[in-house]
Amino acid sequence: MGKGIKAAVAAIVFVAGMGGAHAAKPGATPLMYQGQPQQQAAKALLDTALAQAGKGSWERIGVGRVYYLGGFEEESQRIFDAILAGKHEDSDVYRIARVYREAGEWDRAWGMFDRYLAANPEEATGLAEVGAYYLLQGDRAAAERLFDRSFEAERDDLWATLHAAGAYLGVPPQE
């Protein structure tokens, strides 16, 4: 085979390999959303985002959050269940609880928050954030117990202090 043909074959193989590398994580394209009904556009982009998230739990929780808050609860629940069924970090439980709270599903959220706090009893910011959610739900006694624990763990945590202060003003913690 001549040098020119070998070079051409090598170039084709290289370019084909590059295409395969890009196919592993698909990108969003205008065909997914331009001219599409909003739900269909969102679903196509979310499916792409989930593929882009790969195995990252934070990333998949982010995708699940948009699915959940956007009305695709079943898809979201599959993502959350898969994360929690495998080896996961305590922070994954916390992030999923935040999604339920943001959706107005306090009954689902508080159990997960309590589970996180049981595993992380000295995490000042988390204690104050969950305390803020309790206060915003009208349970001042539970909130103040969590604030006490937070400030015992770390008196000078800016975010813990802000979460507590904001809750007394009706301002939820910044996530």
Protein backbone atom coordinates (compact mmCIF):
# COMPACT_ATOMS: atom_id res chain seq x y z
CA MET A 1 0.00 0.00 0.00
CA GLY A 2 1.39 3.43 -0.91
CA LYS A 3 2.30 6.12 1.60
CA GLY A 4 -0.57 8.35 0.42
CA ILE A 5 -3.15 5.60 0.84
CA LYS A 6 -1.77 4.67 4.29
CA ALA A 7 -1.96 8.32 5.35
CA ALA A 8 -5.53 8.59 4.07
CA VAL A 9 -6.56 5.41 5.91
CA ALA A 10 -4.87 6.64 9.08
CA ALA A 11 -6.68 9.98 8.80
CA ILE A 12 -10.04 8.26 8.32
CA VAL A 13 -9.43 5.99 11.30
CA PHE A 14 -8.39 8.99 13.41
CA VAL A 15 -11.45 11.04 12.45
CA ALA A 16 -13.75 8.05 13.00
CA GLY A 17 -12.19 7.55 16.43
CA MET A 18 -12.80 11.20 17.28
CA GLY A 19 -16.45 10.83 16.32
CA GLY A 20 -16.73 7.86 18.64
CA ALA A 21 -15.20 9.82 21.48
CA HIS A 22 -17.76 12.58 21.02
CA ALA A 23 -20.62 10.07 20.80
CA ALA A 24 -19.85 8.90 24.35
CA LYS A 25 -21.23 12.18 25.74
CA PRO A 26 -23.82 13.59 23.38
CA GLY A 27 -24.21 17.29 22.97
CA ALA A 28 -27.38 19.33 22.72
CA THR A 29 -28.37 20.31 19.21
CA PRO A 30 -30.90 22.84 17.92
CA LEU A 31 -33.00 19.99 16.51
CA MET A 32 -33.77 18.98 20.09
CA TYR A 33 -35.53 22.23 20.95
CA GLN A 34 -36.09 24.57 18.00
CA GLY A 35 -39.71 24.41 16.92
CA GLN A 36 -40.50 21.66 19.43
CA PRO A 37 -43.25 21.84 22.05
CA GLN A 38 -41.72 22.93 25.37
CA GLN A 39 -42.21 19.58 27.14
CA GLN A 40 -40.68 17.69 24.21
CA ALA A 41 -37.74 20.11 24.00
CA ALA A 42 -37.12 19.84 27.73
CA LYS A 43 -37.34 16.04 27.64
CA ALA A 44 -34.83 15.80 24.78
CA LEU A 45 -32.42 18.15 26.56
CA LEU A 46 -32.85 16.35 29.89
CA ASP A 47 -32.19 12.98 28.29
CA THR A 48 -29.01 14.46 26.82
CA ALA A 49 -28.03 16.01 30.15
CA LEU A 50 -28.46 12.65 31.87
CA ALA A 51 -26.13 11.04 29.34
CA GLN A 52 -23.67 13.91 29.86
CA ALA A 53 -23.86 13.41 33.64
CA GLY A 54 -22.36 9.95 33.31
CA LYS A 55 -21.90 8.31 36.70
CA GLY A 56 -21.54 11.53 38.71
CA SER A 57 -24.08 11.52 41.52
CA TRP A 58 -24.19 15.31 41.96
CA GLU A 59 -24.68 15.74 38.24
CA ARG A 60 -27.41 13.08 38.07
CA ILE A 61 -29.16 14.65 41.08
CA GLY A 62 -29.06 17.97 39.21
CA VAL A 63 -30.72 16.34 36.21
CA GLY A 64 -33.20 14.57 38.50
CA ARG A 65 -34.05 17.90 40.13
CA VAL A 66 -35.08 19.45 36.83
CA TYR A 67 -37.03 16.31 35.87
CA TYR A 68 -38.80 16.35 39.25
CA LEU A 69 -39.62 20.05 39.43
CA GLY A 70 -40.56 20.04 35.74
CA GLY A 71 -43.23 17.41 36.18
CA PHE A 72 -41.32 14.28 35.17
CA GLU A 73 -41.41 12.73 38.66
CA GLU A 74 -41.13 9.11 37.50
CA GLU A 75 -37.94 9.75 35.54
CA SER A 76 -36.52 11.68 38.46
CA GLN A 77 -37.42 9.01 40.98
CA ARG A 78 -35.63 6.37 38.88
CA ILE A 79 -32.49 8.51 38.96
CA PHE A 80 -32.73 9.12 42.73
CA ASP A 81 -33.48 5.47 43.48
CA ALA A 82 -30.51 4.32 41.39
CA ILE A 83 -28.19 6.69 43.24
CA LEU A 84 -29.43 5.66 46.67
CA ALA A 85 -29.43 1.95 45.83
CA GLY A 86 -25.70 2.00 45.10
CA LYS A 87 -22.75 3.21 47.06
CA HIS A 88 -23.35 6.90 47.68
CA GLU A 89 -22.25 9.78 49.84
CA ASP A 90 -24.32 11.22 52.68
CA SER A 91 -24.40 14.46 50.70
CA ASP A 92 -26.37 12.67 47.96
CA VAL A 93 -29.18 12.03 50.46
CA TYR A 94 -29.04 15.70 51.45
CA ARG A 95 -29.23 16.96 47.87
CA ILE A 96 -32.19 14.72 47.05
CA ALA A 97 -33.96 15.91 50.22
CA ARG A 98 -33.47 19.48 49.00
CA VAL A 99 -35.27 18.61 45.76
CA TYR A 100 -38.27 17.25 47.66
CA ARG A 101 -38.32 20.32 49.90
CA GLU A 102 -38.11 22.63 46.92
CA ALA A 103 -41.04 20.75 45.39
CA GLY A 104 -43.07 21.43 48.53
CA GLU A 105 -42.90 17.81 49.69
CA TRP A 106 -41.72 18.40 53.23
CA ASP A 107 -42.97 14.99 54.40
CA ARG A 108 -40.53 13.31 52.02
CA ALA A 109 -37.71 15.77 52.65
CA TRP A 110 -37.55 15.85 56.45
CA GLY A 111 -36.88 12.12 56.83
CA MET A 112 -33.97 12.34 54.42
CA PHE A 113 -32.63 15.45 56.13
CA ASP A 114 -32.83 13.71 59.50
CA ARG A 115 -31.03 10.70 58.03
CA TYR A 116 -28.25 12.98 56.80
CA LEU A 117 -27.95 14.79 60.13
CA ALA A 118 -27.80 11.50 62.04
CA ALA A 119 -24.77 10.55 59.92
CA ASN A 120 -23.25 14.07 60.19
CA PRO A 121 -24.14 15.33 63.68
CA GLU A 122 -21.45 18.04 63.76
CA GLU A 123 -22.02 19.56 60.30
CA ALA A 124 -22.84 23.13 61.34
CA THR A 125 -24.07 24.44 58.01
CA GLY A 126 -26.30 21.44 57.38
CA LEU A 127 -27.77 21.60 60.87
CA ALA A 128 -28.64 25.27 60.42
CA GLU A 129 -30.01 24.77 56.91
CA VAL A 130 -32.31 21.97 58.03
CA GLY A 131 -33.23 24.03 61.07
CA ALA A 132 -34.19 26.86 58.75
CA TYR A 133 -36.46 24.52 56.80
CA TYR A 134 -38.12 23.43 60.05
CA LEU A 135 -38.68 27.06 61.02
CA LEU A 136 -40.09 27.85 57.59
CA GLN A 137 -42.49 24.92 58.07
CA GLY A 138 -43.64 26.42 61.38
CA ASP A 139 -41.75 24.15 63.79
CA ARG A 140 -39.76 26.73 65.73
CA ALA A 141 -38.86 24.38 68.60
CA ALA A 142 -37.25 21.82 66.27
CA ALA A 143 -35.55 24.60 64.32
CA GLU A 144 -34.02 26.15 67.40
CA ARG A 145 -32.77 22.76 68.65
CA LEU A 146 -30.95 22.38 65.32
CA PHE A 147 -29.64 25.95 65.49
CA ASP A 148 -28.31 25.21 68.99
CA ARG A 149 -26.51 22.11 67.73
CA SER A 150 -25.16 24.03 64.75
CA PHE A 151 -23.68 26.82 66.83
CA GLU A 152 -22.30 24.34 69.38
CA ALA A 153 -20.50 22.58 66.53
CA GLU A 154 -19.16 25.80 65.01
CA ARG A 155 -20.03 29.24 66.36
CA ASP A 156 -18.51 31.27 63.54
CA ASP A 157 -19.92 29.52 60.45
CA LEU A 158 -21.19 32.35 58.22
CA TRP A 159 -23.60 30.15 56.25
CA ALA A 160 -25.10 28.60 59.35
CA THR A 161 -25.70 32.06 60.80
CA LEU A 162 -27.26 33.28 57.54
CA HIS A 163 -29.51 30.21 57.26
CA ALA A 164 -30.84 30.82 60.77
CA ALA A 165 -31.27 34.57 60.31
CA GLY A 166 -32.99 34.17 56.97
CA ALA A 167 -35.45 31.63 58.30
CA TYR A 168 -36.68 34.09 60.94
CA LEU A 169 -37.42 36.47 58.05
CA GLY A 170 -39.06 33.84 55.86
CA VAL A 171 -36.06 33.59 53.53
CA PRO A 172 -35.09 30.00 52.68
CA PRO A 173 -31.41 29.04 52.59
CA GLN A 174 -29.61 29.63 49.35
CA GLU A 175 -28.89 26.27 47.77
